[in-house]
């Protein structure tokens, strides 16, 4: 690495870090070979462990020893500046140590992503980056093997999603799934039973489903507010519901993912 002190916001070299709003990140992430931002030395370390390559790093001087331990052997610039300057540059306080502009890897096919999987989670059009990140953390911690996201789902590599997931979006295999019914046909051809998590008169209680769950399950979670689409429900092999009390009909989608995954994992280990 080579250290590059910065004392102005005018340098084109630091444009990757300028005003890191969701709109800017979307513009950066959509082109082929685009970028994503990894925030904190822990997340940068997980990105490197996943084989992702940084284009540059932005940090405060006090964090340089940790950054050198991570990227010292790489031929990349490490931009160093004062706290107030970096906050003006990025739009937020850089209190987690560092940011890295990472090259976005190409997504694998669905078949390759779930090749050895028995429990996967499908996110249909979930638009909140915090929820996406929280679901990935549940997937990593509660025993699912991969995540598939529909075309309109929020990007797991947005800075907020990566941060909320504690970097697990860089560990859990994931890729995009085509729209229904094409997506369902792919999953069924790979041997998965599609279980839609939703409210429905004919829904199976989660405890009962988990107790006799098929070998390969694709758990489908719907967008905030409206839940799963009619196409997703029509594509499912079974609808599963979490039993609730005191007139509460549902949980936040990230909380629901944790409950459902725990039930499936616990039942499998009984």
Protein backbone atom coordinates (compact mmCIF):
# COMPACT_ATOMS: atom_id res chain seq x y z
CA UNK A 1 0.00 0.00 0.00
CA UNK A 2 1.06 3.61 -0.37
CA UNK A 3 -0.16 6.31 2.00
CA UNK A 4 -1.67 9.41 0.40
CA UNK A 5 -2.37 12.35 2.76
CA UNK A 6 -5.38 14.43 1.74
CA UNK A 7 -6.19 17.97 2.85
CA UNK A 8 -8.82 18.94 0.28
CA UNK A 9 -12.10 17.58 -1.06
CA UNK A 10 -11.20 18.49 -4.63
CA UNK A 11 -9.09 15.44 -5.46
CA UNK A 12 -10.63 13.09 -8.03
CA UNK A 13 -8.79 10.23 -6.32
CA UNK A 14 -11.26 10.20 -3.43
CA UNK A 15 -14.46 10.47 -5.50
CA UNK A 16 -15.49 6.93 -4.45
CA UNK A 17 -16.11 8.29 -0.96
CA UNK A 18 -17.90 11.53 -1.82
CA UNK A 19 -21.36 11.90 -0.24
CA UNK A 20 -22.05 8.22 0.40
CA UNK A 21 -25.82 8.39 0.08
CA UNK A 22 -27.89 5.47 -1.16
CA UNK A 23 -28.42 7.27 -4.47
CA UNK A 24 -24.68 7.60 -5.02
CA UNK A 25 -24.06 4.00 -4.03
CA UNK A 26 -26.75 2.79 -6.44
CA UNK A 27 -25.05 4.65 -9.27
CA UNK A 28 -21.72 3.10 -8.34
CA UNK A 29 -23.02 -0.43 -7.90
CA UNK A 30 -25.15 -0.93 -10.98
CA UNK A 31 -22.52 -0.93 -13.77
CA UNK A 32 -20.69 -4.16 -14.46
CA UNK A 33 -17.46 -4.20 -12.50
CA UNK A 34 -18.84 -1.55 -10.13
CA UNK A 35 -18.01 -0.84 -6.54
CA UNK A 36 -19.30 -1.22 -3.04
CA UNK A 37 -18.15 0.37 0.21
CA UNK A 38 -16.88 -1.75 3.11
CA UNK A 39 -17.05 0.09 6.43
CA UNK A 40 -14.82 -0.76 9.43
CA UNK A 41 -11.65 -2.78 9.67
CA UNK A 42 -13.66 -5.88 10.60
CA UNK A 43 -15.82 -5.69 7.48
CA UNK A 44 -12.82 -4.89 5.27
CA UNK A 45 -11.11 -7.98 6.70
CA UNK A 46 -14.13 -10.13 5.86
CA UNK A 47 -14.27 -8.72 2.35
CA UNK A 48 -10.62 -9.57 1.81
CA UNK A 49 -11.16 -13.06 3.24
CA UNK A 50 -13.96 -13.54 0.70
CA UNK A 51 -11.51 -12.75 -2.09
CA UNK A 52 -12.80 -9.27 -2.85
CA UNK A 53 -10.23 -6.73 -4.02
CA UNK A 54 -10.05 -3.13 -2.79
CA UNK A 55 -9.47 -0.18 -5.08
CA UNK A 56 -8.48 2.11 -2.20
CA UNK A 57 -8.92 2.73 1.52
CA UNK A 58 -9.90 5.91 3.38
CA UNK A 59 -8.91 6.22 7.03
CA UNK A 60 -7.72 8.31 9.95
CA UNK A 61 -4.04 8.26 10.85
CA UNK A 62 -4.63 6.44 14.15
CA UNK A 63 -6.04 3.42 12.29
CA UNK A 64 -3.07 3.01 9.94
CA UNK A 65 -1.48 0.08 11.86
CA UNK A 66 -4.71 -1.94 11.53
CA UNK A 67 -5.05 -1.03 7.86
CA UNK A 68 -1.45 -1.97 7.17
CA UNK A 69 -2.07 -5.39 8.72
CA UNK A 70 -4.95 -5.86 6.27
CA UNK A 71 -3.74 -4.36 2.99
CA UNK A 72 -0.07 -3.60 3.53
CA UNK A 73 0.97 -5.98 0.75
CA UNK A 74 -1.46 -4.60 -1.83
CA UNK A 75 -0.58 -1.96 -4.41
CA UNK A 76 -3.41 0.43 -3.54
CA UNK A 77 -3.63 3.98 -2.20
CA UNK A 78 -4.61 4.51 1.43
CA UNK A 79 -6.00 8.01 1.81
CA UNK A 80 -5.43 9.59 5.22
CA UNK A 81 -7.01 12.79 6.51
CA UNK A 82 -8.30 14.63 9.54
CA UNK A 83 -11.63 13.58 11.06
CA UNK A 84 -13.48 16.77 10.12
CA UNK A 85 -12.28 16.61 6.52
CA UNK A 86 -13.29 12.99 6.11
CA UNK A 87 -16.70 13.70 7.61
CA UNK A 88 -17.23 16.52 5.11
CA UNK A 89 -16.14 14.19 2.34
CA UNK A 90 -18.31 11.19 3.17
CA UNK A 91 -21.25 12.85 4.89
CA UNK A 92 -20.88 10.96 8.19
CA UNK A 93 -18.47 10.48 11.08
CA UNK A 94 -15.79 7.93 10.28
CA UNK A 95 -15.79 6.37 13.74
CA UNK A 96 -15.46 2.74 12.66
CA UNK A 97 -11.88 3.12 11.57
CA UNK A 98 -11.90 3.05 7.80
CA UNK A 99 -13.76 2.73 4.52
CA UNK A 100 -12.62 0.67 1.57
CA UNK A 101 -13.82 1.04 -2.00
CA UNK A 102 -14.12 -2.58 -3.08
CA UNK A 103 -14.44 -4.02 -6.57
CA UNK A 104 -17.79 -5.77 -6.82
CA UNK A 105 -17.37 -9.46 -7.76
CA UNK A 106 -19.46 -11.00 -10.52
CA UNK A 107 -22.52 -12.87 -9.25
CA UNK A 108 -22.60 -16.64 -9.60
CA UNK A 109 -25.51 -18.55 -11.11
CA UNK A 110 -28.30 -19.76 -8.85
CA UNK A 111 -27.25 -23.37 -9.39
CA UNK A 112 -23.66 -22.68 -8.38
CA UNK A 113 -24.70 -20.58 -5.39
CA UNK A 114 -26.93 -23.28 -3.87
CA UNK A 115 -25.00 -26.30 -5.11
CA UNK A 116 -24.35 -27.77 -1.64
CA UNK A 117 -27.19 -26.00 0.18
CA UNK A 118 -30.13 -27.57 2.01
CA UNK A 119 -31.57 -24.44 3.65
CA UNK A 120 -31.76 -21.21 1.68
CA UNK A 121 -33.60 -17.91 2.11
CA UNK A 122 -35.25 -16.02 -0.76
CA UNK A 123 -35.86 -12.28 -0.35
CA UNK A 124 -38.66 -10.95 -2.53
CA UNK A 125 -38.45 -7.19 -3.15
CA UNK A 126 -37.29 -6.29 0.38
CA UNK A 127 -36.37 -2.63 -0.01
CA UNK A 128 -34.98 -1.66 3.39
CA UNK A 129 -31.20 -2.11 3.52
CA UNK A 130 -31.29 -2.57 7.30
CA UNK A 131 -33.67 -5.50 6.99
CA UNK A 132 -31.56 -7.09 4.26
CA UNK A 133 -28.45 -6.84 6.41
CA UNK A 134 -30.22 -8.19 9.48
CA UNK A 135 -31.56 -11.18 7.53
CA UNK A 136 -28.08 -12.03 6.29
CA UNK A 137 -26.86 -11.96 9.88
CA UNK A 138 -29.64 -14.38 10.86
CA UNK A 139 -28.78 -16.63 7.92
CA UNK A 140 -25.12 -16.73 8.95
CA UNK A 141 -25.85 -17.27 12.63
CA UNK A 142 -28.77 -19.68 12.43
CA UNK A 143 -27.65 -22.22 9.91
CA UNK A 144 -28.95 -21.39 6.44
CA UNK A 145 -26.57 -21.91 3.54
CA UNK A 146 -27.33 -19.19 0.98
CA UNK A 147 -29.55 -16.22 0.10
CA UNK A 148 -31.27 -15.51 -3.20
CA UNK A 149 -32.73 -12.07 -3.92
CA UNK A 150 -35.27 -11.03 -6.53
CA UNK A 151 -34.43 -8.32 -9.10
CA UNK A 152 -36.09 -5.48 -7.15
CA UNK A 153 -34.64 -6.42 -3.76
CA UNK A 154 -32.26 -3.95 -2.12
CA UNK A 155 -28.58 -4.55 -2.78
CA UNK A 156 -26.89 -6.56 0.00
CA UNK A 157 -23.63 -4.71 -0.73
CA UNK A 158 -25.00 -1.27 0.10
CA UNK A 159 -22.95 0.21 2.93
CA UNK A 160 -25.83 0.05 5.41
CA UNK A 161 -26.66 -3.57 4.60
CA UNK A 162 -23.04 -4.62 4.98
CA UNK A 163 -22.73 -2.76 8.27
CA UNK A 164 -25.94 -4.12 9.82
CA UNK A 165 -25.02 -7.64 8.74
CA UNK A 166 -21.67 -7.29 10.55
CA UNK A 167 -20.03 -8.24 7.29
CA UNK A 168 -21.88 -11.55 6.90
CA UNK A 169 -23.11 -10.50 3.44
CA UNK A 170 -19.48 -11.09 2.51
CA UNK A 171 -19.53 -14.62 3.94
CA UNK A 172 -22.93 -15.99 2.96
CA UNK A 173 -23.22 -17.11 -0.69
CA UNK A 174 -25.86 -15.07 -2.52
CA UNK A 175 -27.02 -14.15 -5.97
CA UNK A 176 -30.08 -12.83 -7.79
CA UNK A 177 -33.05 -15.04 -8.67
CA UNK A 178 -35.26 -14.33 -11.72
CA UNK A 179 -38.86 -13.23 -11.23
CA UNK A 180 -41.63 -15.76 -10.56
CA UNK A 181 -42.53 -18.19 -11.97
CA UNK A 182 -39.10 -18.62 -13.60
CA UNK A 183 -37.41 -18.39 -10.22
CA UNK A 184 -39.65 -21.06 -8.77
CA UNK A 185 -38.98 -23.38 -11.69
CA UNK A 186 -35.24 -23.08 -11.08
CA UNK A 187 -35.58 -23.81 -7.36
CA UNK A 188 -37.82 -26.81 -7.94
CA UNK A 189 -35.49 -28.17 -10.61
CA UNK A 190 -32.74 -28.07 -7.98
CA UNK A 191 -34.84 -30.09 -5.56
CA UNK A 192 -36.03 -27.34 -3.20
CA UNK A 193 -39.44 -27.23 -1.55
CA UNK A 194 -40.58 -23.59 -1.63
CA UNK A 195 -41.99 -22.49 1.73
CA UNK A 196 -43.62 -19.05 1.70
CA UNK A 197 -43.66 -17.32 5.09
CA UNK A 198 -47.04 -15.56 5.10
CA UNK A 199 -50.49 -15.29 6.62
CA UNK A 200 -53.04 -17.50 4.89
CA UNK A 201 -56.08 -19.57 5.93
CA UNK A 202 -54.37 -22.76 4.81
CA UNK A 203 -50.95 -21.92 6.26
CA UNK A 204 -49.05 -24.57 8.20
CA UNK A 205 -47.83 -23.74 11.70
CA UNK A 206 -44.05 -23.14 11.67
CA UNK A 207 -43.50 -25.69 14.47
CA UNK A 208 -45.34 -28.39 12.53
CA UNK A 209 -43.53 -27.59 9.29
CA UNK A 210 -40.13 -27.59 10.95
CA UNK A 211 -40.78 -30.92 12.66
CA UNK A 212 -41.20 -32.66 9.29
CA UNK A 213 -39.34 -30.28 6.98
CA UNK A 214 -38.12 -31.59 3.61
CA UNK A 215 -34.41 -32.09 3.10
CA UNK A 216 -34.08 -28.98 0.93
CA UNK A 217 -36.12 -25.90 1.84
CA UNK A 218 -36.23 -22.47 0.22
CA UNK A 219 -37.83 -20.08 2.74
CA UNK A 220 -39.35 -17.09 0.94
CA UNK A 221 -39.75 -13.75 2.75
CA UNK A 222 -41.74 -10.82 1.38
CA UNK A 223 -41.35 -7.11 1.25
CA UNK A 224 -42.08 -4.81 4.17
CA UNK A 225 -45.76 -3.91 4.53
CA UNK A 226 -47.36 -5.90 1.71
CA UNK A 227 -45.55 -9.17 2.27
CA UNK A 228 -45.25 -11.74 -0.49
CA UNK A 229 -46.69 -11.13 -3.93
CA UNK A 230 -49.48 -13.26 -5.38
CA UNK A 231 -46.96 -14.71 -7.83
CA UNK A 232 -44.69 -15.80 -4.98
CA UNK A 233 -47.55 -17.39 -3.06
CA UNK A 234 -48.79 -19.15 -6.18
CA UNK A 235 -45.29 -20.49 -6.81
CA UNK A 236 -44.87 -21.88 -3.28
CA UNK A 237 -45.31 -25.55 -2.38
CA UNK A 238 -46.47 -24.66 1.13
CA UNK A 239 -47.34 -21.53 3.11
CA UNK A 240 -45.94 -21.37 6.63
CA UNK A 241 -46.95 -19.01 9.42
CA UNK A 242 -45.47 -18.07 12.78
CA UNK A 243 -48.12 -18.47 15.51
CA UNK A 244 -48.69 -15.14 17.28
CA UNK A 245 -50.43 -13.96 20.46
CA UNK A 246 -52.35 -10.91 21.76
CA UNK A 247 -53.77 -9.91 18.39
CA UNK A 248 -50.38 -9.35 16.77
CA UNK A 249 -50.50 -10.84 13.28
CA UNK A 250 -46.88 -10.66 12.16
CA UNK A 251 -43.28 -9.69 12.90
CA UNK A 252 -40.83 -7.42 11.15
CA UNK A 253 -39.40 -9.40 8.23
CA UNK A 254 -35.91 -9.56 9.73
CA UNK A 255 -37.29 -10.82 13.06
CA UNK A 256 -39.47 -13.34 11.24
CA UNK A 257 -36.45 -14.68 9.38
CA UNK A 258 -34.63 -15.31 12.65
CA UNK A 259 -37.60 -17.09 14.22
CA UNK A 260 -38.19 -19.30 11.17
CA UNK A 261 -34.52 -20.19 10.74
CA UNK A 262 -34.13 -21.02 14.40
CA UNK A 263 -37.15 -23.31 14.25
CA UNK A 264 -35.83 -25.14 11.21
CA UNK A 265 -32.33 -25.47 12.65
CA UNK A 266 -33.53 -26.61 16.08
CA UNK A 267 -35.84 -29.22 14.57
CA UNK A 268 -33.06 -30.59 12.39
CA UNK A 269 -30.81 -31.12 15.42
CA UNK A 270 -33.36 -32.82 17.63
